Amino acid sequence: MSEQEAGVKVVSVGDLVDRTVAITFDDGYASTLTIAASELTRHSMPFTVFVTPMLIDSSDRRYLSRKQLIELADLPGVAIGAHGYQHVPFSSLLPKDRSESLIASRRWLEDLLQREVTSMSYPFGDTPLGIADEARNAGFTSAACSIWGFNDESTDRMMLRRLDLWDGDSRQVVAAKIEGHWNRLMDRRKQ
């Protein structure tokens, strides 16, 4: 589906405004480079990949290697963001350890990529009380959570909402999610 068909503009996660969409991927799976990147760059669609240093250094072939991460980061329209130093829910860490994970993940990425990293995604979408301030204090200017929905000018940039898209979603389902039809469904599920 093109931007024009969806009636939205695709932007980087830090540039979200009304009627824009940011494409994001969590965890740093190798398929982001081998499959998604070629399609998105071919259509000049910017996207952000949130990665976890421990997964990158794990030698697990499902995840990007350091070399692949650098290759991905060098593609046009690609932004790399942090996803915690280790892939654990922040509520499972003490506040001191959360802050260290935020700072360490940002520094690790900046050292490897030799560029500033200002966006992040909370692992598992887990947002314990105070995490937005901790992320802001660690130097991030935007952060994605797993709260379902849309963002507007009043949305805290450290608690950006997202809509999940899955590999089995049809064009109609994707359009319905972008148009907000699934938001009403999610609101009903919470009741």
C-alpha atoms as a PDB file:
ATOM      1  CA  MET A   1       0.000   0.000   0.000  1.00  0.00           C
ATOM      2  CA  SER A   2       1.439   3.371  -0.966  1.00  0.00           C
ATOM      3  CA  GLU A   3       1.486   6.462   1.245  1.00  0.00           C
ATOM      4  CA  GLN A   4      -1.026   8.072  -1.078  1.00  0.00           C
ATOM      5  CA  GLU A   5      -3.417   5.092  -0.859  1.00  0.00           C
ATOM      6  CA  ALA A   6      -3.232   5.184   2.930  1.00  0.00           C
ATOM      7  CA  GLY A   7      -3.593   8.966   3.071  1.00  0.00           C
ATOM      8  CA  VAL A   8      -0.535   9.319   5.282  1.00  0.00           C
ATOM      9  CA  LYS A   9       3.114  10.281   4.992  1.00  0.00           C
ATOM     10  CA  VAL A  10       5.832   7.922   6.245  1.00  0.00           C
ATOM     11  CA  VAL A  11       8.387   9.655   8.489  1.00  0.00           C
ATOM     12  CA  SER A  12      11.121   8.774  10.956  1.00  0.00           C
ATOM     13  CA  VAL A  13       9.853   7.949  14.452  1.00  0.00           C
ATOM     14  CA  GLY A  14      11.147  11.255  15.874  1.00  0.00           C
ATOM     15  CA  ASP A  15       9.233  13.261  13.266  1.00  0.00           C
ATOM     16  CA  LEU A  16       5.705  12.011  13.970  1.00  0.00           C
ATOM     17  CA  VAL A  17       2.985  14.619  13.477  1.00  0.00           C
ATOM     18  CA  ASP A  18      -0.669  14.478  12.433  1.00  0.00           C
ATOM     19  CA  ARG A  19      -1.398  12.086   9.513  1.00  0.00           C
ATOM     20  CA  THR A  20       2.082  10.587   9.503  1.00  0.00           C
ATOM     21  CA  VAL A  21       3.198   7.010  10.053  1.00  0.00           C
ATOM     22  CA  ALA A  22       6.544   5.777  11.360  1.00  0.00           C
ATOM     23  CA  ILE A  23       7.592   2.244  10.470  1.00  0.00           C
ATOM     24  CA  THR A  24       9.449   0.531  13.306  1.00  0.00           C
ATOM     25  CA  PHE A  25      10.964  -2.867  13.994  1.00  0.00           C
ATOM     26  CA  ASP A  26      12.023  -4.142  17.414  1.00  0.00           C
ATOM     27  CA  ASP A  27      14.833  -6.480  18.482  1.00  0.00           C
ATOM     28  CA  GLY A  28      17.182  -6.278  15.478  1.00  0.00           C
ATOM     29  CA  TYR A  29      16.216  -9.390  13.567  1.00  0.00           C
ATOM     30  CA  ALA A  30      18.440 -10.139  10.555  1.00  0.00           C
ATOM     31  CA  SER A  31      15.333 -10.299   8.354  1.00  0.00           C
ATOM     32  CA  THR A  32      14.973  -6.563   8.823  1.00  0.00           C
ATOM     33  CA  LEU A  33      18.083  -6.194   6.658  1.00  0.00           C
ATOM     34  CA  THR A  34      17.573  -9.151   4.334  1.00  0.00           C
ATOM     35  CA  ILE A  35      13.852  -8.682   3.628  1.00  0.00           C
ATOM     36  CA  ALA A  36      12.272  -5.466   4.930  1.00  0.00           C
ATOM     37  CA  ALA A  37      15.084  -3.018   4.140  1.00  0.00           C
ATOM     38  CA  SER A  38      15.170  -3.764   0.416  1.00  0.00           C
ATOM     39  CA  GLU A  39      11.414  -3.213   0.044  1.00  0.00           C
ATOM     40  CA  LEU A  40      11.268  -0.096   2.180  1.00  0.00           C
ATOM     41  CA  THR A  41      14.338   1.576   0.664  1.00  0.00           C
ATOM     42  CA  ARG A  42      13.079   0.721  -2.840  1.00  0.00           C
ATOM     43  CA  HIS A  43       9.936   2.723  -2.022  1.00  0.00           C
ATOM     44  CA  SER A  44      11.923   5.485  -0.231  1.00  0.00           C
ATOM     45  CA  MET A  45      10.110   4.783   3.041  1.00  0.00           C
ATOM     46  CA  PRO A  46      12.101   5.697   6.147  1.00  0.00           C
ATOM     47  CA  PHE A  47      12.041   3.286   9.063  1.00  0.00           C
ATOM     48  CA  THR A  48      13.571   2.796  12.491  1.00  0.00           C
ATOM     49  CA  VAL A  49      15.055  -0.407  13.878  1.00  0.00           C
ATOM     50  CA  PHE A  50      15.316  -0.660  17.662  1.00  0.00           C
ATOM     51  CA  VAL A  51      18.123  -3.033  18.653  1.00  0.00           C
ATOM     52  CA  THR A  52      19.463  -4.633  21.800  1.00  0.00           C
ATOM     53  CA  PRO A  53      23.262  -4.911  22.077  1.00  0.00           C
ATOM     54  CA  MET A  54      23.148  -8.288  23.862  1.00  0.00           C
ATOM     55  CA  LEU A  55      21.082  -9.770  21.012  1.00  0.00           C
ATOM     56  CA  ILE A  56      23.458  -8.330  18.400  1.00  0.00           C
ATOM     57  CA  ASP A  57      26.453  -9.819  20.230  1.00  0.00           C
ATOM     58  CA  SER A  58      24.697 -13.151  20.930  1.00  0.00           C
ATOM     59  CA  SER A  59      25.911 -14.942  17.762  1.00  0.00           C
ATOM     60  CA  ASP A  60      22.300 -16.025  17.267  1.00  0.00           C
ATOM     61  CA  ARG A  61      21.827 -15.927  13.494  1.00  0.00           C
ATOM     62  CA  ARG A  62      18.240 -14.724  13.887  1.00  0.00           C
ATOM     63  CA  TYR A  63      19.660 -11.332  14.890  1.00  0.00           C
ATOM     64  CA  LEU A  64      21.814  -8.846  13.021  1.00  0.00           C
ATOM     65  CA  SER A  65      25.558  -9.112  13.524  1.00  0.00           C
ATOM     66  CA  ARG A  66      27.560  -5.965  14.212  1.00  0.00           C
ATOM     67  CA  LYS A  67      28.588  -5.874  10.552  1.00  0.00           C
ATOM     68  CA  GLN A  68      24.977  -6.260   9.383  1.00  0.00           C
ATOM     69  CA  LEU A  69      23.818  -3.572  11.806  1.00  0.00           C
ATOM     70  CA  ILE A  70      26.360  -1.124  10.379  1.00  0.00           C
ATOM     71  CA  GLU A  71      25.273  -2.073   6.849  1.00  0.00           C
ATOM     72  CA  LEU A  72      21.623  -1.502   7.775  1.00  0.00           C
ATOM     73  CA  ALA A  73      22.363   1.827   9.463  1.00  0.00           C
ATOM     74  CA  ASP A  74      24.125   3.063   6.318  1.00  0.00           C
ATOM     75  CA  LEU A  75      21.065   2.546   4.104  1.00  0.00           C
ATOM     76  CA  PRO A  76      19.114   5.678   3.121  1.00  0.00           C
ATOM     77  CA  GLY A  77      16.166   6.440   5.390  1.00  0.00           C
ATOM     78  CA  VAL A  78      17.194   4.015   8.131  1.00  0.00           C
ATOM     79  CA  ALA A  79      17.441   5.144  11.746  1.00  0.00           C
ATOM     80  CA  ILE A  80      18.734   2.919  14.511  1.00  0.00           C
ATOM     81  CA  GLY A  81      17.316   3.229  17.993  1.00  0.00           C
ATOM     82  CA  ALA A  82      18.002   1.519  21.297  1.00  0.00           C
ATOM     83  CA  HIS A  83      15.924  -1.267  22.842  1.00  0.00           C
ATOM     84  CA  GLY A  84      17.616  -1.639  26.224  1.00  0.00           C
ATOM     85  CA  TYR A  85      21.043  -3.169  26.714  1.00  0.00           C
ATOM     86  CA  GLN A  86      19.582  -6.604  27.388  1.00  0.00           C
ATOM     87  CA  HIS A  87      16.171  -7.662  26.211  1.00  0.00           C
ATOM     88  CA  VAL A  88      14.341  -7.687  29.543  1.00  0.00           C
ATOM     89  CA  PRO A  89      11.240  -5.840  30.760  1.00  0.00           C
ATOM     90  CA  PHE A  90      12.276  -2.663  32.559  1.00  0.00           C
ATOM     91  CA  SER A  91       9.877  -3.431  35.435  1.00  0.00           C
ATOM     92  CA  SER A  92      12.078  -6.454  36.238  1.00  0.00           C
ATOM     93  CA  LEU A  93      15.058  -4.141  36.884  1.00  0.00           C
ATOM     94  CA  LEU A  94      15.811  -1.859  39.801  1.00  0.00           C
ATOM     95  CA  PRO A  95      15.613   1.847  38.860  1.00  0.00           C
ATOM     96  CA  LYS A  96      19.431   2.139  38.977  1.00  0.00           C
ATOM     97  CA  ASP A  97      19.780  -0.845  36.616  1.00  0.00           C
ATOM     98  CA  ARG A  98      17.125   0.570  34.259  1.00  0.00           C
ATOM     99  CA  SER A  99      19.063   3.822  33.975  1.00  0.00           C
ATOM    100  CA  GLU A 100      22.305   1.915  33.365  1.00  0.00           C
ATOM    101  CA  SER A 101      20.637  -0.206  30.662  1.00  0.00           C
ATOM    102  CA  LEU A 102      19.285   2.888  28.920  1.00  0.00           C
ATOM    103  CA  ILE A 103      22.626   4.696  28.989  1.00  0.00           C
ATOM    104  CA  ALA A 104      24.678   1.605  28.077  1.00  0.00           C
ATOM    105  CA  SER A 105      22.468   0.718  25.099  1.00  0.00           C
ATOM    106  CA  ARG A 106      22.681   4.249  23.721  1.00  0.00           C
ATOM    107  CA  ARG A 107      26.463   4.467  24.177  1.00  0.00           C
ATOM    108  CA  TRP A 108      27.054   1.015  22.677  1.00  0.00           C
ATOM    109  CA  LEU A 109      25.088   1.924  19.555  1.00  0.00           C
ATOM    110  CA  GLU A 110      26.704   5.352  19.210  1.00  0.00           C
ATOM    111  CA  ASP A 111      30.193   3.839  19.573  1.00  0.00           C
ATOM    112  CA  LEU A 112      29.471   1.156  16.979  1.00  0.00           C
ATOM    113  CA  LEU A 113      27.606   3.316  14.468  1.00  0.00           C
ATOM    114  CA  GLN A 114      29.533   6.556  15.020  1.00  0.00           C
ATOM    115  CA  ARG A 115      26.329   8.615  15.046  1.00  0.00           C
ATOM    116  CA  GLU A 116      23.908   9.967  17.595  1.00  0.00           C
ATOM    117  CA  VAL A 117      21.114   7.674  18.802  1.00  0.00           C
ATOM    118  CA  THR A 118      18.132   9.584  20.205  1.00  0.00           C
ATOM    119  CA  SER A 119      15.189   7.193  19.884  1.00  0.00           C
ATOM    120  CA  MET A 120      14.333   3.986  21.685  1.00  0.00           C
ATOM    121  CA  SER A 121      11.643   1.388  22.165  1.00  0.00           C
ATOM    122  CA  TYR A 122      10.898  -0.122  25.559  1.00  0.00           C
ATOM    123  CA  PRO A 123      11.601  -3.889  25.564  1.00  0.00           C
ATOM    124  CA  PHE A 124       8.282  -5.766  25.563  1.00  0.00           C
ATOM    125  CA  GLY A 125       6.601  -2.333  25.598  1.00  0.00           C
ATOM    126  CA  ASP A 126       7.092  -2.413  29.369  1.00  0.00           C
ATOM    127  CA  THR A 127       6.767   1.080  30.833  1.00  0.00           C
ATOM    128  CA  PRO A 128       7.040   1.098  34.622  1.00  0.00           C
ATOM    129  CA  LEU A 129       6.318   4.333  36.469  1.00  0.00           C
ATOM    130  CA  GLY A 130       9.073   6.898  35.838  1.00  0.00           C
ATOM    131  CA  ILE A 131      10.600   5.170  32.803  1.00  0.00           C
ATOM    132  CA  ALA A 132       9.862   8.094  30.459  1.00  0.00           C
ATOM    133  CA  ASP A 133      11.870  10.447  32.685  1.00  0.00           C
ATOM    134  CA  GLU A 134      14.666   7.885  32.983  1.00  0.00           C
ATOM    135  CA  ALA A 135      14.827   7.549  29.188  1.00  0.00           C
ATOM    136  CA  ARG A 136      14.797  11.344  28.791  1.00  0.00           C
ATOM    137  CA  ASN A 137      17.613  11.627  31.367  1.00  0.00           C
ATOM    138  CA  ALA A 138      19.605   9.022  29.404  1.00  0.00           C
ATOM    139  CA  GLY A 139      19.551  11.369  26.387  1.00  0.00           C
ATOM    140  CA  PHE A 140      16.652  10.003  24.358  1.00  0.00           C
ATOM    141  CA  THR A 141      14.227  12.433  22.708  1.00  0.00           C
ATOM    142  CA  SER A 142      11.585   9.891  21.668  1.00  0.00           C
ATOM    143  CA  ALA A 143      10.548   6.444  22.825  1.00  0.00           C
ATOM    144  CA  ALA A 144       8.005   3.937  21.532  1.00  0.00           C
ATOM    145  CA  CYS A 145       5.882   1.854  23.842  1.00  0.00           C
ATOM    146  CA  SER A 146       3.301  -0.850  23.103  1.00  0.00           C
ATOM    147  CA  ILE A 147       0.223   1.148  23.963  1.00  0.00           C
ATOM    148  CA  TRP A 148      -2.133   0.689  21.029  1.00  0.00           C
ATOM    149  CA  GLY A 149      -3.213   3.783  19.183  1.00  0.00           C
ATOM    150  CA  PHE A 150      -2.393   7.032  17.462  1.00  0.00           C
ATOM    151  CA  ASN A 151      -0.246   9.972  18.513  1.00  0.00           C
ATOM    152  CA  ASP A 152      -1.061  13.657  18.365  1.00  0.00           C
ATOM    153  CA  GLU A 153       0.579  16.879  19.514  1.00  0.00           C
ATOM    154  CA  SER A 154      -0.343  16.124  23.136  1.00  0.00           C
ATOM    155  CA  THR A 155       1.318  12.671  23.157  1.00  0.00           C
ATOM    156  CA  ASP A 156       4.412  12.501  25.357  1.00  0.00           C
ATOM    157  CA  ARG A 157       7.332  11.917  22.914  1.00  0.00           C
ATOM    158  CA  MET A 158       8.665   9.382  25.426  1.00  0.00           C
ATOM    159  CA  MET A 159       5.454   7.299  25.244  1.00  0.00           C
ATOM    160  CA  LEU A 160       4.737   7.086  21.504  1.00  0.00           C
ATOM    161  CA  ARG A 161       1.908   4.663  20.738  1.00  0.00           C
ATOM    162  CA  ARG A 162       2.105   2.070  17.981  1.00  0.00           C
ATOM    163  CA  LEU A 163      -0.085  -0.205  15.899  1.00  0.00           C
ATOM    164  CA  ASP A 164       1.190  -3.736  15.430  1.00  0.00           C
ATOM    165  CA  LEU A 165       1.266  -5.059  11.890  1.00  0.00           C
ATOM    166  CA  TRP A 166       1.867  -8.762  11.375  1.00  0.00           C
ATOM    167  CA  ASP A 167       3.072 -10.790   8.407  1.00  0.00           C
ATOM    168  CA  GLY A 168      -0.401 -12.309   7.938  1.00  0.00           C
ATOM    169  CA  ASP A 169      -2.198  -8.941   7.784  1.00  0.00           C
ATOM    170  CA  SER A 170      -3.908  -8.337   4.442  1.00  0.00           C
ATOM    171  CA  ARG A 171      -3.877  -4.953   2.706  1.00  0.00           C
ATOM    172  CA  GLN A 172      -7.412  -4.428   4.010  1.00  0.00           C
ATOM    173  CA  VAL A 173      -6.394  -5.177   7.598  1.00  0.00           C
ATOM    174  CA  VAL A 174      -3.399  -2.823   7.344  1.00  0.00           C
ATOM    175  CA  ALA A 175      -5.642  -0.091   5.935  1.00  0.00           C
ATOM    176  CA  ALA A 176      -8.208  -0.690   8.697  1.00  0.00           C
ATOM    177  CA  LYS A 177      -5.505  -0.385  11.363  1.00  0.00           C
ATOM    178  CA  ILE A 178      -4.105   2.819   9.867  1.00  0.00           C
ATOM    179  CA  GLU A 179      -7.615   4.294   9.508  1.00  0.00           C
ATOM    180  CA  GLY A 180      -8.273   3.648  13.200  1.00  0.00           C
ATOM    181  CA  HIS A 181     -10.883   0.908  12.905  1.00  0.00           C
ATOM    182  CA  TRP A 182      -8.820  -1.430  15.079  1.00  0.00           C
ATOM    183  CA  ASN A 183      -8.471   1.229  17.790  1.00  0.00           C
ATOM    184  CA  ARG A 184     -12.190   0.955  18.460  1.00  0.00           C
ATOM    185  CA  LEU A 185     -11.857  -2.848  18.579  1.00  0.00           C
ATOM    186  CA  MET A 186      -8.971  -2.570  21.059  1.00  0.00           C
ATOM    187  CA  ASP A 187     -10.944  -0.096  23.178  1.00  0.00           C
ATOM    188  CA  ARG A 188     -13.825  -2.621  23.381  1.00  0.00           C
ATOM    189  CA  ARG A 189     -11.425  -5.430  24.395  1.00  0.00           C
ATOM    190  CA  LYS A 190     -10.258  -3.364  27.408  1.00  0.00           C
ATOM    191  CA  GLN A 191     -13.832  -3.048  28.792  1.00  0.00           C
END
